[in-house]
Amino acid sequence: MAELSGEELAGACKITSFFLEALEGEINLAYNVLGSKDFEAAAAKVRAAADKIHYNQYEEAMRLVSEAISNVASSGQSAMQTLKSNNLL
Protein backbone atom coordinates (compact mmCIF):
# COMPACT_ATOMS: atom_id res chain seq x y z
CA MET A 1 0.00 0.00 0.00
CA ALA A 2 3.02 2.23 0.33
CA GLU A 3 3.01 2.77 -3.45
CA LEU A 4 -0.55 4.09 -3.43
CA SER A 5 -1.66 7.65 -2.82
CA GLY A 6 -4.78 9.77 -2.70
CA GLU A 7 -8.08 8.05 -3.40
CA GLU A 8 -6.39 4.75 -4.25
CA LEU A 9 -4.76 4.64 -0.83
CA ALA A 10 -7.97 5.62 0.92
CA GLY A 11 -9.87 2.90 -0.94
CA ALA A 12 -7.22 0.27 -0.23
CA CYS A 13 -7.24 1.17 3.48
CA LYS A 14 -11.02 0.97 3.59
CA ILE A 15 -11.14 -2.43 1.89
CA THR A 16 -8.35 -3.76 4.08
CA SER A 17 -10.14 -2.53 7.20
CA PHE A 18 -13.38 -4.24 6.13
CA PHE A 19 -11.47 -7.45 5.43
CA LEU A 20 -9.73 -7.36 8.82
CA GLU A 21 -13.04 -6.71 10.61
CA ALA A 22 -14.58 -9.71 8.85
CA LEU A 23 -11.54 -11.83 9.66
CA GLU A 24 -11.72 -10.83 13.31
CA GLY A 25 -15.39 -11.82 13.34
CA GLU A 26 -14.59 -15.26 11.95
CA ILE A 27 -11.78 -15.74 14.44
CA ASN A 28 -14.09 -14.73 17.29
CA LEU A 29 -16.64 -17.27 16.07
CA ALA A 30 -13.97 -19.98 16.21
CA TYR A 31 -12.98 -18.80 19.68
CA ASN A 32 -16.59 -19.00 20.88
CA VAL A 33 -16.91 -22.55 19.55
CA LEU A 34 -13.53 -23.91 20.61
CA GLY A 35 -12.52 -21.64 23.49
CA SER A 36 -8.87 -21.68 22.43
CA LYS A 37 -6.78 -18.82 23.74
CA ASP A 38 -4.87 -18.91 20.44
CA PHE A 39 -8.01 -17.66 18.69
CA GLU A 40 -8.51 -14.94 21.28
CA ALA A 41 -4.91 -13.79 20.78
CA ALA A 42 -5.30 -13.91 17.00
CA ALA A 43 -8.45 -11.76 17.13
CA ALA A 44 -6.64 -9.18 19.25
CA LYS A 45 -3.75 -9.06 16.78
CA VAL A 46 -6.10 -8.64 13.82
CA ARG A 47 -7.89 -5.81 15.67
CA ALA A 48 -4.51 -4.18 16.36
CA ALA A 49 -3.55 -4.60 12.69
CA ALA A 50 -6.72 -2.76 11.66
CA ASP A 51 -5.71 0.08 13.97
CA LYS A 52 -2.23 0.15 12.42
CA ILE A 53 -3.77 0.42 8.94
CA HIS A 54 -5.79 3.40 10.14
CA TYR A 55 -2.54 5.10 11.20
CA ASN A 56 -0.69 4.16 7.97
CA GLN A 57 1.62 1.71 9.77
CA TYR A 58 1.39 -0.98 7.09
CA GLU A 59 4.49 -3.01 7.92
CA GLU A 60 3.45 -3.29 11.56
CA ALA A 61 -0.05 -4.31 10.43
CA MET A 62 1.45 -7.06 8.24
CA ARG A 63 3.54 -8.30 11.15
CA LEU A 64 0.46 -8.50 13.37
CA VAL A 65 -1.55 -10.36 10.72
CA SER A 66 1.35 -12.83 10.35
CA GLU A 67 1.35 -13.41 14.09
CA ALA A 68 -2.43 -13.91 14.04
CA ILE A 69 -2.05 -16.53 11.30
CA SER A 70 0.54 -18.32 13.44
CA ASN A 71 -1.84 -18.33 16.41
CA VAL A 72 -4.64 -19.81 14.33
CA ALA A 73 -2.34 -22.38 12.72
CA SER A 74 -1.10 -23.49 16.13
CA SER A 75 -4.63 -24.01 17.36
CA GLY A 76 -5.60 -25.79 14.16
CA GLN A 77 -2.69 -28.20 14.55
CA SER A 78 -3.89 -29.28 17.99
CA ALA A 79 -7.46 -29.70 16.70
CA MET A 80 -6.19 -31.87 13.85
CA GLN A 81 -4.23 -34.03 16.29
CA THR A 82 -7.38 -34.52 18.38
CA LEU A 83 -9.38 -35.55 15.30
CA LYS A 84 -6.65 -37.98 14.23
CA SER A 85 -6.42 -39.46 17.73
CA ASN A 86 -10.14 -40.16 17.66
CA ASN A 87 -9.98 -41.61 14.11
CA LEU A 88 -12.20 -38.83 12.83
CA LEU A 89 -9.75 -37.66 10.20
PDB file of N, CA and C in Angstrom:
ATOM      1  N   MET A   1       0.818  -1.190   0.000  1.00  0.00           N
ATOM      2  CA  MET A   1       0.000   0.000   0.000  1.00  0.00           C
ATOM      3  C   MET A   1       0.861   1.251   0.000  1.00  0.00           C
ATOM      4  N   ALA A   2       2.127   1.074   0.282  1.00  0.00           N
ATOM      5  CA  ALA A   2       3.019   2.226   0.328  1.00  0.00           C
ATOM      6  C   ALA A   2       3.139   2.921  -1.022  1.00  0.00           C
ATOM      7  N   GLU A   3       2.897   2.182  -2.121  1.00  0.00           N
ATOM      8  CA  GLU A   3       3.006   2.769  -3.453  1.00  0.00           C
ATOM      9  C   GLU A   3       1.782   3.586  -3.827  1.00  0.00           C
ATOM     10  N   LEU A   4       0.699   3.418  -3.097  1.00  0.00           N
ATOM     11  CA  LEU A   4      -0.551   4.092  -3.429  1.00  0.00           C
ATOM     12  C   LEU A   4      -0.603   5.484  -2.813  1.00  0.00           C
ATOM     13  N   SER A   5      -1.467   6.325  -3.393  1.00  0.00           N
ATOM     14  CA  SER A   5      -1.663   7.653  -2.821  1.00  0.00           C
ATOM     15  C   SER A   5      -3.082   8.118  -3.123  1.00  0.00           C
ATOM     16  N   GLY A   6      -3.481   9.144  -2.449  1.00  0.00           N
ATOM     17  CA  GLY A   6      -4.778   9.766  -2.696  1.00  0.00           C
ATOM     18  C   GLY A   6      -5.953   8.823  -2.516  1.00  0.00           C
ATOM     19  N   GLU A   7      -6.865   8.851  -3.482  1.00  0.00           N
ATOM     20  CA  GLU A   7      -8.081   8.052  -3.395  1.00  0.00           C
ATOM     21  C   GLU A   7      -7.794   6.558  -3.448  1.00  0.00           C
ATOM     22  N   GLU A   8      -6.754   6.165  -4.200  1.00  0.00           N
ATOM     23  CA  GLU A   8      -6.388   4.753  -4.252  1.00  0.00           C
ATOM     24  C   GLU A   8      -5.988   4.247  -2.875  1.00  0.00           C
ATOM     25  N   LEU A   9      -5.192   5.024  -2.171  1.00  0.00           N
ATOM     26  CA  LEU A   9      -4.757   4.643  -0.831  1.00  0.00           C
ATOM     27  C   LEU A   9      -5.937   4.600   0.118  1.00  0.00           C
ATOM     28  N   ALA A  10      -6.794   5.589   0.047  1.00  0.00           N
ATOM     29  CA  ALA A  10      -7.972   5.622   0.921  1.00  0.00           C
ATOM     30  C   ALA A  10      -8.859   4.408   0.670  1.00  0.00           C
ATOM     31  N   GLY A  11      -9.061   4.063  -0.599  1.00  0.00           N
ATOM     32  CA  GLY A  11      -9.870   2.896  -0.938  1.00  0.00           C
ATOM     33  C   GLY A  11      -9.237   1.601  -0.473  1.00  0.00           C
ATOM     34  N   ALA A  12      -7.925   1.477  -0.667  1.00  0.00           N
ATOM     35  CA  ALA A  12      -7.216   0.272  -0.226  1.00  0.00           C
ATOM     36  C   ALA A  12      -7.293   0.122   1.288  1.00  0.00           C
ATOM     37  N   CYS A  13      -7.146   1.211   2.012  1.00  0.00           N
ATOM     38  CA  CYS A  13      -7.236   1.168   3.479  1.00  0.00           C
ATOM     39  C   CYS A  13      -8.638   0.758   3.913  1.00  0.00           C
ATOM     40  N   LYS A  14      -9.640   1.282   3.248  1.00  0.00           N
ATOM     41  CA  LYS A  14     -11.025   0.968   3.594  1.00  0.00           C
ATOM     42  C   LYS A  14     -11.323  -0.514   3.348  1.00  0.00           C
ATOM     43  N   ILE A  15     -10.916  -1.018   2.199  1.00  0.00           N
ATOM     44  CA  ILE A  15     -11.143  -2.432   1.892  1.00  0.00           C
ATOM     45  C   ILE A  15     -10.383  -3.325   2.859  1.00  0.00           C
ATOM     46  N   THR A  16      -9.152  -2.971   3.147  1.00  0.00           N
ATOM     47  CA  THR A  16      -8.352  -3.759   4.082  1.00  0.00           C
ATOM     48  C   THR A  16      -8.978  -3.751   5.468  1.00  0.00           C
ATOM     49  N   SER A  17      -9.484  -2.623   5.895  1.00  0.00           N
ATOM     50  CA  SER A  17     -10.142  -2.529   7.203  1.00  0.00           C
ATOM     51  C   SER A  17     -11.384  -3.404   7.250  1.00  0.00           C
ATOM     52  N   PHE A  18     -12.191  -3.381   6.180  1.00  0.00           N
ATOM     53  CA  PHE A  18     -13.381  -4.237   6.126  1.00  0.00           C
ATOM     54  C   PHE A  18     -12.988  -5.709   6.182  1.00  0.00           C
ATOM     55  N   PHE A  19     -11.939  -6.069   5.432  1.00  0.00           N
ATOM     56  CA  PHE A  19     -11.472  -7.450   5.433  1.00  0.00           C
ATOM     57  C   PHE A  19     -11.023  -7.869   6.830  1.00  0.00           C
ATOM     58  N   LEU A  20     -10.231  -7.019   7.490  1.00  0.00           N
ATOM     59  CA  LEU A  20      -9.732  -7.360   8.817  1.00  0.00           C
ATOM     60  C   LEU A  20     -10.860  -7.459   9.840  1.00  0.00           C
ATOM     61  N   GLU A  21     -11.873  -6.610   9.719  1.00  0.00           N
ATOM     62  CA  GLU A  21     -13.035  -6.709  10.607  1.00  0.00           C
ATOM     63  C   GLU A  21     -13.765  -8.035  10.404  1.00  0.00           C
ATOM     64  N   ALA A  22     -13.930  -8.436   9.142  1.00  0.00           N
ATOM     65  CA  ALA A  22     -14.584  -9.714   8.847  1.00  0.00           C
ATOM     66  C   ALA A  22     -13.748 -10.882   9.360  1.00  0.00           C
ATOM     67  N   LEU A  23     -12.443 -10.792   9.168  1.00  0.00           N
ATOM     68  CA  LEU A  23     -11.539 -11.831   9.656  1.00  0.00           C
ATOM     69  C   LEU A  23     -11.610 -11.941  11.172  1.00  0.00           C
ATOM     70  N   GLU A  24     -11.609 -10.818  11.839  1.00  0.00           N
ATOM     71  CA  GLU A  24     -11.721 -10.826  13.306  1.00  0.00           C
ATOM     72  C   GLU A  24     -13.030 -11.488  13.731  1.00  0.00           C
ATOM     73  N   GLY A  25     -14.107 -11.195  13.028  1.00  0.00           N
ATOM     74  CA  GLY A  25     -15.390 -11.815  13.344  1.00  0.00           C
ATOM     75  C   GLY A  25     -15.342 -13.326  13.207  1.00  0.00           C
ATOM     76  N   GLU A  26     -14.713 -13.812  12.148  1.00  0.00           N
ATOM     77  CA  GLU A  26     -14.592 -15.264  11.947  1.00  0.00           C
ATOM     78  C   GLU A  26     -13.725 -15.903  13.031  1.00  0.00           C
ATOM     79  N   ILE A  27     -12.650 -15.227  13.392  1.00  0.00           N
ATOM     80  CA  ILE A  27     -11.777 -15.745  14.444  1.00  0.00           C
ATOM     81  C   ILE A  27     -12.525 -15.778  15.776  1.00  0.00           C
ATOM     82  N   ASN A  28     -13.304 -14.747  16.051  1.00  0.00           N
ATOM     83  CA  ASN A  28     -14.091 -14.725  17.287  1.00  0.00           C
ATOM     84  C   ASN A  28     -15.125 -15.848  17.307  1.00  0.00           C
ATOM     85  N   LEU A  29     -15.703 -16.150  16.155  1.00  0.00           N
ATOM     86  CA  LEU A  29     -16.639 -17.267  16.068  1.00  0.00           C
ATOM     87  C   LEU A  29     -15.934 -18.569  16.427  1.00  0.00           C
ATOM     88  N   ALA A  30     -14.746 -18.779  15.878  1.00  0.00           N
ATOM     89  CA  ALA A  30     -13.966 -19.977  16.206  1.00  0.00           C
ATOM     90  C   ALA A  30     -13.627 -20.009  17.695  1.00  0.00           C
ATOM     91  N   TYR A  31     -13.281 -18.864  18.245  1.00  0.00           N
ATOM     92  CA  TYR A  31     -12.976 -18.802  19.678  1.00  0.00           C
ATOM     93  C   TYR A  31     -14.202 -19.193  20.509  1.00  0.00           C
ATOM     94  N   ASN A  32     -15.373 -18.686  20.124  1.00  0.00           N
ATOM     95  CA  ASN A  32     -16.587 -19.004  20.876  1.00  0.00           C
ATOM     96  C   ASN A  32     -16.926 -20.490  20.809  1.00  0.00           C
ATOM     97  N   VAL A  33     -16.620 -21.125  19.698  1.00  0.00           N
ATOM     98  CA  VAL A  33     -16.911 -22.550  19.545  1.00  0.00           C
ATOM     99  C   VAL A  33     -15.873 -23.399  20.268  1.00  0.00           C
ATOM    100  N   LEU A  34     -14.600 -23.063  20.100  1.00  0.00           N
ATOM    101  CA  LEU A  34     -13.527 -23.910  20.615  1.00  0.00           C
ATOM    102  C   LEU A  34     -12.940 -23.450  21.942  1.00  0.00           C
ATOM    103  N   GLY A  35     -13.042 -22.165  22.235  1.00  0.00           N
ATOM    104  CA  GLY A  35     -12.520 -21.637  23.489  1.00  0.00           C
ATOM    105  C   GLY A  35     -11.000 -21.574  23.562  1.00  0.00           C
ATOM    106  N   SER A  36     -10.329 -21.696  22.442  1.00  0.00           N
ATOM    107  CA  SER A  36      -8.873 -21.684  22.432  1.00  0.00           C
ATOM    108  C   SER A  36      -8.341 -20.266  22.610  1.00  0.00           C
ATOM    109  N   LYS A  37      -7.398 -20.129  23.511  1.00  0.00           N
ATOM    110  CA  LYS A  37      -6.776 -18.821  23.741  1.00  0.00           C
ATOM    111  C   LYS A  37      -6.006 -18.346  22.513  1.00  0.00           C
ATOM    112  N   ASP A  38      -5.559 -19.297  21.667  1.00  0.00           N
ATOM    113  CA  ASP A  38      -4.871 -18.910  20.436  1.00  0.00           C
ATOM    114  C   ASP A  38      -5.781 -18.070  19.553  1.00  0.00           C
ATOM    115  N   PHE A  39      -7.069 -18.429  19.492  1.00  0.00           N
ATOM    116  CA  PHE A  39      -8.011 -17.660  18.686  1.00  0.00           C
ATOM    117  C   PHE A  39      -8.257 -16.281  19.301  1.00  0.00           C
ATOM    118  N   GLU A  40      -8.321 -16.230  20.608  1.00  0.00           N
ATOM    119  CA  GLU A  40      -8.507 -14.942  21.282  1.00  0.00           C
ATOM    120  C   GLU A  40      -7.319 -14.019  20.993  1.00  0.00           C
ATOM    121  N   ALA A  41      -6.116 -14.575  21.062  1.00  0.00           N
ATOM    122  CA  ALA A  41      -4.908 -13.794  20.778  1.00  0.00           C
ATOM    123  C   ALA A  41      -4.876 -13.354  19.316  1.00  0.00           C
ATOM    124  N   ALA A  42      -5.284 -14.236  18.426  1.00  0.00           N
ATOM    125  CA  ALA A  42      -5.304 -13.906  16.995  1.00  0.00           C
ATOM    126  C   ALA A  42      -6.282 -12.773  16.719  1.00  0.00           C
ATOM    127  N   ALA A  43      -7.456 -12.825  17.330  1.00  0.00           N
ATOM    128  CA  ALA A  43      -8.449 -11.759  17.126  1.00  0.00           C
ATOM    129  C   ALA A  43      -7.902 -10.420  17.608  1.00  0.00           C
ATOM    130  N   ALA A  44      -7.216 -10.422  18.733  1.00  0.00           N
ATOM    131  CA  ALA A  44      -6.643  -9.175  19.255  1.00  0.00           C
ATOM    132  C   ALA A  44      -5.577  -8.627  18.305  1.00  0.00           C
ATOM    133  N   LYS A  45      -4.793  -9.515  17.705  1.00  0.00           N
ATOM    134  CA  LYS A  45      -3.754  -9.064  16.780  1.00  0.00           C
ATOM    135  C   LYS A  45      -4.360  -8.512  15.491  1.00  0.00           C
ATOM    136  N   VAL A  46      -5.435  -9.139  15.019  1.00  0.00           N
ATOM    137  CA  VAL A  46      -6.101  -8.636  13.819  1.00  0.00           C
ATOM    138  C   VAL A  46      -6.719  -7.270  14.097  1.00  0.00           C
ATOM    139  N   ARG A  47      -7.314  -7.107  15.277  1.00  0.00           N
ATOM    140  CA  ARG A  47      -7.893  -5.811  15.671  1.00  0.00           C
ATOM    141  C   ARG A  47      -6.789  -4.747  15.719  1.00  0.00           C
ATOM    142  N   ALA A  48      -5.640  -5.113  16.292  1.00  0.00           N
ATOM    143  CA  ALA A  48      -4.515  -4.177  16.365  1.00  0.00           C
ATOM    144  C   ALA A  48      -3.990  -3.852  14.962  1.00  0.00           C
ATOM    145  N   ALA A  49      -3.993  -4.839  14.067  1.00  0.00           N
ATOM    146  CA  ALA A  49      -3.553  -4.599  12.690  1.00  0.00           C
ATOM    147  C   ALA A  49      -4.471  -3.597  11.999  1.00  0.00           C
ATOM    148  N   ALA A  50      -5.766  -3.712  12.233  1.00  0.00           N
ATOM    149  CA  ALA A  50      -6.720  -2.765  11.656  1.00  0.00           C
ATOM    150  C   ALA A  50      -6.424  -1.350  12.154  1.00  0.00           C
ATOM    151  N   ASP A  51      -6.084  -1.239  13.421  1.00  0.00           N
ATOM    152  CA  ASP A  51      -5.714   0.076  13.975  1.00  0.00           C
ATOM    153  C   ASP A  51      -4.453   0.611  13.297  1.00  0.00           C
ATOM    154  N   LYS A  52      -3.481  -0.273  13.068  1.00  0.00           N
ATOM    155  CA  LYS A  52      -2.231   0.151  12.418  1.00  0.00           C
ATOM    156  C   LYS A  52      -2.505   0.644  10.996  1.00  0.00           C
ATOM    157  N   ILE A  53      -3.408  -0.018  10.285  1.00  0.00           N
ATOM    158  CA  ILE A  53      -3.773   0.421   8.936  1.00  0.00           C
ATOM    159  C   ILE A  53      -4.338   1.837   8.995  1.00  0.00           C
ATOM    160  N   HIS A  54      -5.179   2.077   9.981  1.00  0.00           N
ATOM    161  CA  HIS A  54      -5.793   3.402  10.142  1.00  0.00           C
ATOM    162  C   HIS A  54      -4.740   4.491  10.319  1.00  0.00           C
ATOM    163  N   TYR A  55      -3.612   4.131  10.952  1.00  0.00           N
ATOM    164  CA  TYR A  55      -2.543   5.104  11.198  1.00  0.00           C
ATOM    165  C   TYR A  55      -1.393   4.973  10.198  1.00  0.00           C
ATOM    166  N   ASN A  56      -1.667   4.300   9.054  1.00  0.00           N
ATOM    167  CA  ASN A  56      -0.692   4.159   7.973  1.00  0.00           C
ATOM    168  C   ASN A  56       0.585   3.435   8.385  1.00  0.00           C
ATOM    169  N   GLN A  57       0.472   2.517   9.317  1.00  0.00           N
ATOM    170  CA  GLN A  57       1.615   1.713   9.766  1.00  0.00           C
ATOM    171  C   GLN A  57       1.476   0.312   9.158  1.00  0.00           C
ATOM    172  N   TYR A  58       1.694   0.224   7.848  1.00  0.00           N
ATOM    173  CA  TYR A  58       1.387  -0.984   7.089  1.00  0.00           C
ATOM    174  C   TYR A  58       2.299  -2.159   7.419  1.00  0.00           C
ATOM    175  N   GLU A  59       3.580  -1.911   7.600  1.00  0.00           N
ATOM    176  CA  GLU A  59       4.493  -3.011   7.921  1.00  0.00           C
ATOM    177  C   GLU A  59       4.164  -3.621   9.271  1.00  0.00           C
ATOM    178  N   GLU A  60       3.840  -2.788  10.238  1.00  0.00           N
ATOM    179  CA  GLU A  60       3.445  -3.289  11.561  1.00  0.00           C
ATOM    180  C   GLU A  60       2.141  -4.067  11.451  1.00  0.00           C
ATOM    181  N   ALA A  61       1.219  -3.594  10.631  1.00  0.00           N
ATOM    182  CA  ALA A  61      -0.045  -4.309  10.426  1.00  0.00           C
ATOM    183  C   ALA A  61       0.221  -5.684   9.822  1.00  0.00           C
ATOM    184  N   MET A  62       1.120  -5.764   8.848  1.00  0.00           N
ATOM    185  CA  MET A  62       1.448  -7.059   8.235  1.00  0.00           C
ATOM    186  C   MET A  62       2.077  -7.992   9.255  1.00  0.00           C
ATOM    187  N   ARG A  63       2.916  -7.468  10.112  1.00  0.00           N
ATOM    188  CA  ARG A  63       3.543  -8.296  11.152  1.00  0.00           C
ATOM    189  C   ARG A  63       2.485  -8.874  12.077  1.00  0.00           C
ATOM    190  N   LEU A  64       1.518  -8.042  12.472  1.00  0.00           N
ATOM    191  CA  LEU A  64       0.461  -8.495  13.371  1.00  0.00           C
ATOM    192  C   LEU A  64      -0.437  -9.545  12.713  1.00  0.00           C
ATOM    193  N   VAL A  65      -0.738  -9.365  11.434  1.00  0.00           N
ATOM    194  CA  VAL A  65      -1.548 -10.360  10.720  1.00  0.00           C
ATOM    195  C   VAL A  65      -0.775 -11.680  10.628  1.00  0.00           C
ATOM    196  N   SER A  66       0.522 -11.612  10.386  1.00  0.00           N
ATOM    197  CA  SER A  66       1.346 -12.827  10.345  1.00  0.00           C
ATOM    198  C   SER A  66       1.323 -13.553  11.683  1.00  0.00           C
ATOM    199  N   GLU A  67       1.410 -12.804  12.762  1.00  0.00           N
ATOM    200  CA  GLU A  67       1.346 -13.408  14.093  1.00  0.00           C
ATOM    201  C   GLU A  67      -0.024 -14.034  14.337  1.00  0.00           C
ATOM    202  N   ALA A  68      -1.074 -13.373  13.879  1.00  0.00           N
ATOM    203  CA  ALA A  68      -2.432 -13.914  14.037  1.00  0.00           C
ATOM    204  C   ALA A  68      -2.570 -15.236  13.283  1.00  0.00           C
ATOM    205  N   ILE A  69      -2.009 -15.291  12.084  1.00  0.00           N
ATOM    206  CA  ILE A  69      -2.051 -16.530  11.304  1.00  0.00           C
ATOM    207  C   ILE A  69      -1.324 -17.646  12.058  1.00  0.00           C
ATOM    208  N   SER A  70      -0.198 -17.328  12.658  1.00  0.00           N
ATOM    209  CA  SER A  70       0.543 -18.323  13.439  1.00  0.00           C
ATOM    210  C   SER A  70      -0.283 -18.829  14.617  1.00  0.00           C
ATOM    211  N   ASN A  71      -0.979 -17.918  15.296  1.00  0.00           N
ATOM    212  CA  ASN A  71      -1.838 -18.327  16.412  1.00  0.00           C
ATOM    213  C   ASN A  71      -2.925 -19.294  15.946  1.00  0.00           C
ATOM    214  N   VAL A  72      -3.565 -18.969  14.844  1.00  0.00           N
ATOM    215  CA  VAL A  72      -4.644 -19.806  14.331  1.00  0.00           C
ATOM    216  C   VAL A  72      -4.088 -21.155  13.864  1.00  0.00           C
ATOM    217  N   ALA A  73      -2.948 -21.133  13.199  1.00  0.00           N
ATOM    218  CA  ALA A  73      -2.344 -22.378  12.722  1.00  0.00           C
ATOM    219  C   ALA A  73      -1.970 -23.286  13.888  1.00  0.00           C
ATOM    220  N   SER A  74      -1.456 -22.699  14.954  1.00  0.00           N
ATOM    221  CA  SER A  74      -1.104 -23.493  16.134  1.00  0.00           C
ATOM    222  C   SER A  74      -2.327 -24.174  16.719  1.00  0.00           C
ATOM    223  N   SER A  75      -3.406 -23.445  16.817  1.00  0.00           N
ATOM    224  CA  SER A  75      -4.634 -24.005  17.357  1.00  0.00           C
ATOM    225  C   SER A  75      -5.200 -25.057  16.420  1.00  0.00           C
ATOM    226  N   GLY A  76      -5.113 -24.822  15.133  1.00  0.00           N
ATOM    227  CA  GLY A  76      -5.598 -25.794  14.157  1.00  0.00           C
ATOM    228  C   GLY A  76      -4.816 -27.087  14.206  1.00  0.00           C
ATOM    229  N   GLN A  77      -3.532 -26.998  14.457  1.00  0.00           N
ATOM    230  CA  GLN A  77      -2.694 -28.195  14.551  1.00  0.00           C
ATOM    231  C   GLN A  77      -3.148 -29.077  15.705  1.00  0.00           C
ATOM    232  N   SER A  78      -3.451 -28.476  16.847  1.00  0.00           N
ATOM    233  CA  SER A  78      -3.890 -29.280  17.990  1.00  0.00           C
ATOM    234  C   SER A  78      -5.258 -29.889  17.733  1.00  0.00           C
ATOM    235  N   ALA A  79      -6.139 -29.156  17.038  1.00  0.00           N
ATOM    236  CA  ALA A  79      -7.457 -29.698  16.702  1.00  0.00           C
ATOM    237  C   ALA A  79      -7.315 -30.881  15.749  1.00  0.00           C
ATOM    238  N   MET A  80      -6.398 -30.777  14.793  1.00  0.00           N
ATOM    239  CA  MET A  80      -6.186 -31.870  13.855  1.00  0.00           C
ATOM    240  C   MET A  80      -5.654 -33.102  14.573  1.00  0.00           C
ATOM    241  N   GLN A  81      -4.759 -32.900  15.511  1.00  0.00           N
ATOM    242  CA  GLN A  81      -4.234 -34.028  16.287  1.00  0.00           C
ATOM    243  C   GLN A  81      -5.351 -34.728  17.068  1.00  0.00           C
ATOM    244  N   THR A  82      -6.255 -33.945  17.642  1.00  0.00           N
ATOM    245  CA  THR A  82      -7.384 -34.519  18.376  1.00  0.00           C
ATOM    246  C   THR A  82      -8.266 -35.339  17.450  1.00  0.00           C
ATOM    247  N   LEU A  83      -8.551 -34.814  16.274  1.00  0.00           N
ATOM    248  CA  LEU A  83      -9.376 -35.546  15.301  1.00  0.00           C
ATOM    249  C   LEU A  83      -8.681 -36.842  14.871  1.00  0.00           C
ATOM    250  N   LYS A  84      -7.395 -36.782  14.628  1.00  0.00           N
ATOM    251  CA  LYS A  84      -6.649 -37.984  14.232  1.00  0.00           C
ATOM    252  C   LYS A  84      -6.636 -39.006  15.354  1.00  0.00           C
ATOM    253  N   SER A  85      -6.457 -38.552  16.579  1.00  0.00           N
ATOM    254  CA  SER A  85      -6.416 -39.456  17.727  1.00  0.00           C
ATOM    255  C   SER A  85      -7.728 -40.196  17.910  1.00  0.00           C
ATOM    256  N   ASN A  86      -8.810 -39.555  17.532  1.00  0.00           N
ATOM    257  CA  ASN A  86     -10.137 -40.159  17.656  1.00  0.00           C
ATOM    258  C   ASN A  86     -10.622 -40.805  16.352  1.00  0.00           C
ATOM    259  N   ASN A  87      -9.683 -41.011  15.412  1.00  0.00           N
ATOM    260  CA  ASN A  87      -9.984 -41.607  14.106  1.00  0.00           C
ATOM    261  C   ASN A  87     -11.125 -40.910  13.382  1.00  0.00           C
ATOM    262  N   LEU A  88     -11.184 -39.605  13.507  1.00  0.00           N
ATOM    263  CA  LEU A  88     -12.196 -38.825  12.828  1.00  0.00           C
ATOM    264  C   LEU A  88     -11.652 -38.131  11.589  1.00  0.00           C
ATOM    265  N   LEU A  89     -10.372 -38.291  11.368  1.00  0.00           N
ATOM    266  CA  LEU A  89      -9.751 -37.658  10.204  1.00  0.00           C
ATOM    267  C   LEU A  89      -8.813 -38.633   9.553  1.00  0.00           C
TER     268      LEU A  89
END
